[in-house]
């Protein structure tokens, strides 16, 4: 990983960091909604949600990964990965690897049985990373209902 970059769990953020997160989300998807500092703080207060960030030596957020931990009625505890993105200027430097490793470590510490994520097929580098970590492509129908 790039020197001077650290991985930290976000528990509180300021306006500048909220804008940095929104900038990253726009790189991940074109299907985003304008968010605010208040909204981001609400997400961070949710006890089931953990947000890890890659932070550079100038305290700029250059990568994020959102983790949702939940228990299912069948006794399985899962960690689900969302919003996993590294700033395009910093890709290829091991930052995504460090974020994913930290996510898996957090899953182990929380006694999760599995880690899940979805990834668009055109995100070839991201998909390669998941395979390198041992993630297996899971054949299922994924549905979405828009409200």
N, C-alpha and C. Protein backbone atom coordinates (compact mmCIF):
# COMPACT_ATOMS: atom_id res chain seq x y z
N UNK A 1 0.85 -1.18 0.00
CA UNK A 1 0.00 0.00 0.00
C UNK A 1 0.89 1.23 0.00
N UNK A 2 0.38 2.32 -0.54
CA UNK A 2 1.13 3.57 -0.60
C UNK A 2 1.54 4.01 0.80
N UNK A 3 2.75 4.51 0.90
CA UNK A 3 3.21 4.99 2.21
C UNK A 3 2.41 6.22 2.61
N UNK A 4 2.17 6.33 3.88
CA UNK A 4 1.40 7.46 4.40
C UNK A 4 -0.10 7.24 4.35
N UNK A 5 -0.55 6.09 3.84
CA UNK A 5 -1.99 5.80 3.79
C UNK A 5 -2.31 4.85 4.94
N UNK A 6 -3.36 5.17 5.68
CA UNK A 6 -3.78 4.32 6.78
C UNK A 6 -5.25 3.95 6.60
N UNK A 7 -5.64 2.83 7.18
CA UNK A 7 -7.03 2.38 7.16
C UNK A 7 -7.61 2.66 8.54
N UNK A 8 -8.75 3.32 8.58
CA UNK A 8 -9.39 3.65 9.85
C UNK A 8 -10.90 3.52 9.73
N UNK A 9 -11.52 3.13 10.84
CA UNK A 9 -12.98 3.11 10.87
C UNK A 9 -13.48 4.52 11.12
N UNK A 10 -14.41 4.96 10.29
CA UNK A 10 -14.99 6.29 10.48
C UNK A 10 -16.11 6.19 11.50
N UNK A 11 -16.05 7.03 12.51
CA UNK A 11 -17.12 7.10 13.49
C UNK A 11 -17.75 8.50 13.52
N UNK A 12 -17.01 9.45 13.01
CA UNK A 12 -17.48 10.83 12.93
C UNK A 12 -16.77 11.46 11.74
N UNK A 13 -17.46 12.33 11.01
CA UNK A 13 -16.83 13.01 9.88
C UNK A 13 -17.23 14.48 9.87
N UNK A 14 -16.43 15.27 9.16
CA UNK A 14 -16.73 16.69 9.00
C UNK A 14 -17.23 16.94 7.56
N UNK A 15 -17.54 18.18 7.26
CA UNK A 15 -18.10 18.53 5.95
C UNK A 15 -17.14 18.18 4.81
N UNK A 16 -15.86 18.44 5.00
CA UNK A 16 -14.88 18.14 3.97
C UNK A 16 -14.82 16.63 3.69
N UNK A 17 -14.82 15.83 4.73
CA UNK A 17 -14.79 14.38 4.56
C UNK A 17 -16.07 13.87 3.90
N UNK A 18 -17.19 14.47 4.23
CA UNK A 18 -18.46 14.09 3.61
C UNK A 18 -18.41 14.35 2.10
N UNK A 19 -17.84 15.46 1.70
CA UNK A 19 -17.68 15.77 0.27
C UNK A 19 -16.72 14.79 -0.40
N UNK A 20 -15.68 14.37 0.31
CA UNK A 20 -14.73 13.41 -0.23
C UNK A 20 -15.43 12.06 -0.46
N UNK A 21 -16.28 11.66 0.47
CA UNK A 21 -17.04 10.41 0.32
C UNK A 21 -17.96 10.51 -0.89
N UNK A 22 -18.66 11.61 -1.03
CA UNK A 22 -19.57 11.77 -2.16
C UNK A 22 -18.79 11.72 -3.48
N UNK A 23 -17.62 12.32 -3.52
CA UNK A 23 -16.76 12.29 -4.71
C UNK A 23 -16.40 10.84 -5.08
N UNK A 24 -16.10 10.03 -4.07
CA UNK A 24 -15.78 8.62 -4.31
C UNK A 24 -16.99 7.84 -4.81
N UNK A 25 -18.14 8.08 -4.21
CA UNK A 25 -19.37 7.37 -4.61
C UNK A 25 -19.68 7.67 -6.07
N UNK A 26 -19.46 8.90 -6.50
CA UNK A 26 -19.72 9.25 -7.91
C UNK A 26 -18.80 8.49 -8.85
N UNK A 27 -17.61 8.08 -8.39
CA UNK A 27 -16.71 7.27 -9.21
C UNK A 27 -17.17 5.82 -9.29
N UNK A 28 -17.93 5.40 -8.29
CA UNK A 28 -18.38 4.01 -8.22
C UNK A 28 -19.60 3.76 -9.09
N UNK A 29 -20.51 4.71 -9.12
CA UNK A 29 -21.78 4.49 -9.81
C UNK A 29 -22.33 5.79 -10.36
N UNK A 30 -23.05 5.68 -11.46
CA UNK A 30 -23.74 6.85 -11.99
C UNK A 30 -25.14 6.95 -11.41
N UNK A 31 -25.54 5.94 -10.66
CA UNK A 31 -26.87 5.88 -10.05
C UNK A 31 -26.78 6.26 -8.57
N UNK A 32 -26.40 7.48 -8.30
CA UNK A 32 -26.24 7.94 -6.92
C UNK A 32 -27.24 9.04 -6.63
N UNK A 33 -27.41 9.30 -5.37
CA UNK A 33 -28.24 10.41 -4.92
C UNK A 33 -27.36 11.39 -4.17
N UNK A 34 -27.68 12.65 -4.30
CA UNK A 34 -26.94 13.67 -3.56
C UNK A 34 -27.11 13.39 -2.07
N UNK A 35 -26.02 13.32 -1.35
CA UNK A 35 -26.06 13.08 0.08
C UNK A 35 -25.45 14.28 0.81
N UNK A 36 -25.61 14.29 2.10
CA UNK A 36 -25.16 15.42 2.90
C UNK A 36 -24.37 14.93 4.11
N UNK A 37 -23.77 15.85 4.80
CA UNK A 37 -23.06 15.54 6.04
C UNK A 37 -24.02 14.91 7.04
N UNK A 38 -25.22 15.45 7.16
CA UNK A 38 -26.21 14.90 8.09
C UNK A 38 -26.52 13.45 7.74
N UNK A 39 -26.71 13.18 6.45
CA UNK A 39 -27.00 11.82 6.01
C UNK A 39 -25.83 10.88 6.33
N UNK A 40 -24.62 11.28 6.00
CA UNK A 40 -23.44 10.45 6.27
C UNK A 40 -23.29 10.18 7.76
N UNK A 41 -23.54 11.18 8.59
CA UNK A 41 -23.45 10.97 10.04
C UNK A 41 -24.51 9.99 10.52
N UNK A 42 -25.70 10.04 9.91
CA UNK A 42 -26.75 9.09 10.26
C UNK A 42 -26.33 7.66 9.94
N UNK A 43 -25.72 7.46 8.78
CA UNK A 43 -25.22 6.13 8.41
C UNK A 43 -24.18 5.66 9.42
N UNK A 44 -23.25 6.53 9.79
CA UNK A 44 -22.18 6.15 10.71
C UNK A 44 -22.70 5.80 12.10
N UNK A 45 -23.85 6.34 12.48
CA UNK A 45 -24.43 6.05 13.80
C UNK A 45 -25.17 4.71 13.84
N UNK A 46 -25.45 4.13 12.69
CA UNK A 46 -26.15 2.85 12.65
C UNK A 46 -25.22 1.76 13.20
N UNK A 47 -25.62 1.07 14.27
CA UNK A 47 -24.71 0.08 14.88
C UNK A 47 -24.40 -1.12 13.98
N UNK A 48 -25.20 -1.40 12.97
CA UNK A 48 -24.94 -2.52 12.07
C UNK A 48 -23.97 -2.14 10.96
N UNK A 49 -23.68 -0.86 10.81
CA UNK A 49 -22.85 -0.37 9.71
C UNK A 49 -21.49 0.08 10.22
N UNK A 50 -20.46 -0.36 9.52
CA UNK A 50 -19.09 0.09 9.77
C UNK A 50 -18.56 0.63 8.45
N UNK A 51 -17.94 1.80 8.49
CA UNK A 51 -17.33 2.38 7.29
C UNK A 51 -15.84 2.49 7.55
N UNK A 52 -15.08 1.81 6.70
CA UNK A 52 -13.62 1.90 6.77
C UNK A 52 -13.16 2.83 5.66
N UNK A 53 -12.13 3.60 5.95
CA UNK A 53 -11.61 4.55 4.97
C UNK A 53 -10.10 4.42 4.86
N UNK A 54 -9.62 4.60 3.64
CA UNK A 54 -8.19 4.76 3.39
C UNK A 54 -7.94 6.27 3.41
N UNK A 55 -7.05 6.69 4.29
CA UNK A 55 -6.81 8.11 4.50
C UNK A 55 -5.33 8.40 4.22
N UNK A 56 -5.09 9.40 3.37
CA UNK A 56 -3.70 9.70 2.99
C UNK A 56 -3.04 10.60 4.03
N UNK A 57 -1.80 10.96 3.78
CA UNK A 57 -1.01 11.73 4.75
C UNK A 57 -1.54 13.15 4.96
N UNK A 58 -2.40 13.64 4.04
CA UNK A 58 -3.04 14.95 4.22
C UNK A 58 -4.44 14.82 4.82
N UNK A 59 -4.77 13.63 5.35
CA UNK A 59 -6.07 13.33 5.96
C UNK A 59 -7.22 13.37 4.95
N UNK A 60 -6.92 13.11 3.69
CA UNK A 60 -7.95 13.03 2.67
C UNK A 60 -8.40 11.58 2.52
N UNK A 61 -9.71 11.38 2.45
CA UNK A 61 -10.26 10.04 2.24
C UNK A 61 -10.10 9.69 0.77
N UNK A 62 -9.32 8.63 0.50
CA UNK A 62 -9.05 8.24 -0.89
C UNK A 62 -9.64 6.86 -1.23
N UNK A 63 -10.30 6.25 -0.27
CA UNK A 63 -10.96 4.98 -0.50
C UNK A 63 -11.91 4.68 0.64
N UNK A 64 -13.00 3.98 0.33
CA UNK A 64 -13.97 3.62 1.37
C UNK A 64 -14.51 2.22 1.10
N UNK A 65 -15.00 1.63 2.16
CA UNK A 65 -15.72 0.36 2.09
C UNK A 65 -16.74 0.37 3.21
N UNK A 66 -18.00 0.15 2.86
CA UNK A 66 -19.07 0.12 3.84
C UNK A 66 -19.40 -1.33 4.14
N UNK A 67 -19.51 -1.65 5.42
CA UNK A 67 -19.75 -3.01 5.86
C UNK A 67 -21.04 -3.06 6.68
N UNK A 68 -21.89 -4.01 6.36
CA UNK A 68 -23.13 -4.19 7.10
C UNK A 68 -23.10 -5.60 7.69
N UNK A 69 -23.22 -5.68 9.00
CA UNK A 69 -23.20 -6.96 9.69
C UNK A 69 -24.61 -7.26 10.19
N UNK A 70 -25.07 -8.48 9.89
CA UNK A 70 -26.41 -8.84 10.36
C UNK A 70 -26.52 -10.33 10.61
N UNK A 71 -27.44 -10.66 11.52
CA UNK A 71 -27.76 -12.04 11.86
C UNK A 71 -29.02 -12.44 11.12
N UNK A 72 -28.98 -13.63 10.54
CA UNK A 72 -30.16 -14.17 9.88
C UNK A 72 -30.89 -15.10 10.85
N UNK A 73 -32.15 -15.35 10.57
CA UNK A 73 -32.94 -16.22 11.44
C UNK A 73 -32.44 -17.65 11.45
N UNK A 74 -31.68 -18.05 10.43
CA UNK A 74 -31.16 -19.42 10.38
C UNK A 74 -29.87 -19.58 11.18
N UNK A 75 -29.46 -18.54 11.89
CA UNK A 75 -28.27 -18.60 12.74
C UNK A 75 -26.99 -18.18 12.06
N UNK A 76 -27.06 -17.80 10.81
CA UNK A 76 -25.87 -17.38 10.07
C UNK A 76 -25.67 -15.87 10.25
N UNK A 77 -24.46 -15.50 10.58
CA UNK A 77 -24.10 -14.09 10.70
C UNK A 77 -23.28 -13.71 9.48
N UNK A 78 -23.71 -12.65 8.79
CA UNK A 78 -23.08 -12.23 7.54
C UNK A 78 -22.50 -10.83 7.64
N UNK A 79 -21.49 -10.61 6.84
CA UNK A 79 -21.00 -9.25 6.60
C UNK A 79 -21.20 -9.00 5.12
N UNK A 80 -21.85 -7.90 4.80
CA UNK A 80 -22.10 -7.54 3.41
C UNK A 80 -21.32 -6.28 3.08
N UNK A 81 -20.60 -6.31 1.97
CA UNK A 81 -19.79 -5.17 1.53
C UNK A 81 -20.57 -4.33 0.54
N UNK A 82 -20.57 -3.04 0.77
CA UNK A 82 -21.18 -2.05 -0.12
C UNK A 82 -20.18 -0.91 -0.32
N UNK A 83 -20.44 -0.08 -1.30
CA UNK A 83 -19.70 1.18 -1.50
C UNK A 83 -18.18 1.00 -1.41
N UNK A 84 -17.65 0.02 -2.10
CA UNK A 84 -16.21 -0.25 -2.07
C UNK A 84 -15.58 0.44 -3.27
N UNK A 85 -14.81 1.50 -3.00
CA UNK A 85 -14.21 2.27 -4.09
C UNK A 85 -12.92 2.94 -3.61
N UNK A 86 -11.95 2.97 -4.51
CA UNK A 86 -10.70 3.70 -4.30
C UNK A 86 -10.65 4.79 -5.36
N UNK A 87 -10.25 5.98 -4.97
CA UNK A 87 -10.13 7.09 -5.92
C UNK A 87 -9.29 6.64 -7.12
N UNK A 88 -9.80 6.94 -8.30
CA UNK A 88 -9.13 6.48 -9.52
C UNK A 88 -7.67 6.92 -9.61
N UNK A 89 -7.31 8.03 -8.99
CA UNK A 89 -5.92 8.49 -9.01
C UNK A 89 -5.00 7.62 -8.15
N UNK A 90 -5.58 6.81 -7.27
CA UNK A 90 -4.79 6.03 -6.33
C UNK A 90 -4.91 4.52 -6.54
N UNK A 91 -5.60 4.11 -7.59
CA UNK A 91 -5.79 2.68 -7.85
C UNK A 91 -4.47 2.03 -8.28
N UNK A 92 -4.37 0.73 -8.02
CA UNK A 92 -3.18 -0.02 -8.38
C UNK A 92 -2.04 0.11 -7.40
N UNK A 93 -2.32 0.64 -6.22
CA UNK A 93 -1.29 0.85 -5.20
C UNK A 93 -1.50 0.00 -3.96
N UNK A 94 -2.44 -0.94 -4.01
CA UNK A 94 -2.67 -1.82 -2.87
C UNK A 94 -3.67 -1.30 -1.85
N UNK A 95 -4.28 -0.17 -2.13
CA UNK A 95 -5.22 0.43 -1.18
C UNK A 95 -6.50 -0.41 -1.10
N UNK A 96 -7.01 -0.85 -2.23
CA UNK A 96 -8.19 -1.70 -2.24
C UNK A 96 -7.92 -3.01 -1.51
N UNK A 97 -6.74 -3.57 -1.72
CA UNK A 97 -6.33 -4.80 -1.02
C UNK A 97 -6.36 -4.58 0.48
N UNK A 98 -5.82 -3.45 0.94
CA UNK A 98 -5.78 -3.16 2.38
C UNK A 98 -7.18 -2.96 2.94
N UNK A 99 -8.05 -2.29 2.19
CA UNK A 99 -9.43 -2.11 2.66
C UNK A 99 -10.16 -3.45 2.74
N UNK A 100 -9.98 -4.30 1.74
CA UNK A 100 -10.66 -5.58 1.74
C UNK A 100 -10.13 -6.48 2.85
N UNK A 101 -8.83 -6.47 3.08
CA UNK A 101 -8.24 -7.24 4.17
C UNK A 101 -8.81 -6.77 5.51
N UNK A 102 -8.91 -5.46 5.70
CA UNK A 102 -9.46 -4.92 6.95
C UNK A 102 -10.92 -5.32 7.12
N UNK A 103 -11.67 -5.37 6.02
CA UNK A 103 -13.08 -5.78 6.08
C UNK A 103 -13.19 -7.24 6.52
N UNK A 104 -12.36 -8.09 5.94
CA UNK A 104 -12.39 -9.51 6.30
C UNK A 104 -11.94 -9.71 7.74
N UNK A 105 -10.94 -8.97 8.18
CA UNK A 105 -10.51 -9.02 9.59
C UNK A 105 -11.65 -8.62 10.51
N UNK A 106 -12.39 -7.58 10.15
CA UNK A 106 -13.52 -7.14 10.96
C UNK A 106 -14.61 -8.21 11.00
N UNK A 107 -14.84 -8.89 9.87
CA UNK A 107 -15.82 -9.98 9.83
C UNK A 107 -15.41 -11.09 10.80
N UNK A 108 -14.14 -11.44 10.79
CA UNK A 108 -13.65 -12.48 11.72
C UNK A 108 -13.83 -12.05 13.17
N UNK A 109 -13.47 -10.81 13.49
CA UNK A 109 -13.60 -10.31 14.87
C UNK A 109 -15.05 -10.29 15.33
N UNK A 110 -15.97 -10.15 14.40
CA UNK A 110 -17.40 -10.12 14.73
C UNK A 110 -18.07 -11.49 14.56
N UNK A 111 -17.24 -12.53 14.40
CA UNK A 111 -17.73 -13.92 14.30
C UNK A 111 -18.72 -14.12 13.16
N UNK A 112 -18.48 -13.44 12.05
CA UNK A 112 -19.33 -13.64 10.87
C UNK A 112 -18.96 -14.97 10.22
N UNK A 113 -19.95 -15.60 9.61
CA UNK A 113 -19.73 -16.87 8.93
C UNK A 113 -19.30 -16.66 7.48
N UNK A 114 -19.83 -15.60 6.85
CA UNK A 114 -19.54 -15.34 5.44
C UNK A 114 -19.43 -13.85 5.18
N UNK A 115 -18.76 -13.53 4.07
CA UNK A 115 -18.66 -12.15 3.58
C UNK A 115 -19.23 -12.15 2.17
N UNK A 116 -20.12 -11.20 1.89
CA UNK A 116 -20.79 -11.13 0.59
C UNK A 116 -20.58 -9.76 -0.04
N UNK A 117 -20.61 -9.74 -1.36
CA UNK A 117 -20.57 -8.48 -2.11
C UNK A 117 -21.11 -8.72 -3.50
N UNK A 118 -21.46 -7.66 -4.17
CA UNK A 118 -21.79 -7.72 -5.59
C UNK A 118 -20.83 -6.79 -6.31
N UNK A 119 -20.58 -7.11 -7.58
CA UNK A 119 -19.68 -6.28 -8.37
C UNK A 119 -20.10 -6.39 -9.83
N UNK A 120 -20.17 -5.26 -10.49
CA UNK A 120 -20.50 -5.25 -11.91
C UNK A 120 -19.41 -5.98 -12.69
N UNK A 121 -19.81 -6.70 -13.71
CA UNK A 121 -18.85 -7.50 -14.48
C UNK A 121 -17.81 -6.64 -15.19
N UNK A 122 -18.13 -5.38 -15.50
CA UNK A 122 -17.16 -4.52 -16.20
C UNK A 122 -16.05 -4.02 -15.27
N UNK A 123 -16.18 -4.22 -13.97
CA UNK A 123 -15.15 -3.80 -13.02
C UNK A 123 -14.10 -4.92 -12.91
N UNK A 124 -13.33 -5.08 -13.98
CA UNK A 124 -12.42 -6.23 -14.10
C UNK A 124 -11.35 -6.26 -13.00
N UNK A 125 -10.76 -5.12 -12.69
CA UNK A 125 -9.72 -5.10 -11.65
C UNK A 125 -10.30 -5.46 -10.29
N UNK A 126 -11.48 -4.94 -9.98
CA UNK A 126 -12.13 -5.26 -8.71
C UNK A 126 -12.45 -6.74 -8.64
N UNK A 127 -13.01 -7.28 -9.71
CA UNK A 127 -13.35 -8.70 -9.73
C UNK A 127 -12.11 -9.58 -9.61
N UNK A 128 -11.03 -9.17 -10.22
CA UNK A 128 -9.77 -9.91 -10.08
C UNK A 128 -9.31 -9.92 -8.62
N UNK A 129 -9.45 -8.78 -7.95
CA UNK A 129 -9.08 -8.69 -6.53
C UNK A 129 -9.91 -9.67 -5.70
N UNK A 130 -11.21 -9.73 -5.94
CA UNK A 130 -12.07 -10.63 -5.17
C UNK A 130 -11.66 -12.08 -5.37
N UNK A 131 -11.34 -12.45 -6.60
CA UNK A 131 -10.89 -13.82 -6.87
C UNK A 131 -9.56 -14.10 -6.17
N UNK A 132 -8.66 -13.12 -6.16
CA UNK A 132 -7.37 -13.29 -5.48
C UNK A 132 -7.55 -13.53 -3.99
N UNK A 133 -8.57 -12.93 -3.41
CA UNK A 133 -8.84 -13.10 -1.99
C UNK A 133 -9.56 -14.41 -1.68
N UNK A 134 -10.04 -15.08 -2.72
CA UNK A 134 -10.74 -16.34 -2.51
C UNK A 134 -12.25 -16.25 -2.57
N UNK A 135 -12.77 -15.10 -2.93
CA UNK A 135 -14.23 -14.99 -3.11
C UNK A 135 -14.62 -15.87 -4.29
N UNK A 136 -15.76 -16.50 -4.17
CA UNK A 136 -16.26 -17.36 -5.24
C UNK A 136 -17.50 -16.74 -5.84
N UNK A 137 -17.58 -16.78 -7.15
CA UNK A 137 -18.77 -16.27 -7.84
C UNK A 137 -19.95 -17.15 -7.46
N UNK A 138 -20.99 -16.55 -6.98
CA UNK A 138 -22.16 -17.26 -6.46
C UNK A 138 -23.30 -17.09 -7.44
N UNK A 139 -23.76 -18.17 -7.97
CA UNK A 139 -24.82 -18.11 -8.97
C UNK A 139 -26.17 -17.94 -8.29
N UNK A 140 -26.77 -16.80 -8.51
CA UNK A 140 -28.09 -16.52 -7.96
C UNK A 140 -28.76 -15.45 -8.81
N UNK A 141 -30.03 -15.33 -8.66
CA UNK A 141 -30.74 -14.21 -9.27
C UNK A 141 -30.74 -13.07 -8.27
N UNK A 142 -30.31 -11.93 -8.69
CA UNK A 142 -30.29 -10.74 -7.85
C UNK A 142 -31.38 -9.82 -8.33
N UNK A 143 -32.30 -9.45 -7.46
CA UNK A 143 -33.43 -8.62 -7.85
C UNK A 143 -33.38 -7.28 -7.13
N UNK A 144 -33.98 -6.31 -7.77
CA UNK A 144 -34.06 -4.96 -7.21
C UNK A 144 -35.48 -4.45 -7.44
N UNK A 145 -36.05 -3.84 -6.44
CA UNK A 145 -37.38 -3.22 -6.55
C UNK A 145 -37.22 -1.76 -6.18
N UNK A 146 -37.37 -0.88 -7.14
CA UNK A 146 -37.18 0.56 -6.91
C UNK A 146 -38.45 1.18 -6.36
N UNK A 147 -38.29 2.03 -5.38
CA UNK A 147 -39.42 2.73 -4.76
C UNK A 147 -39.38 4.21 -5.14
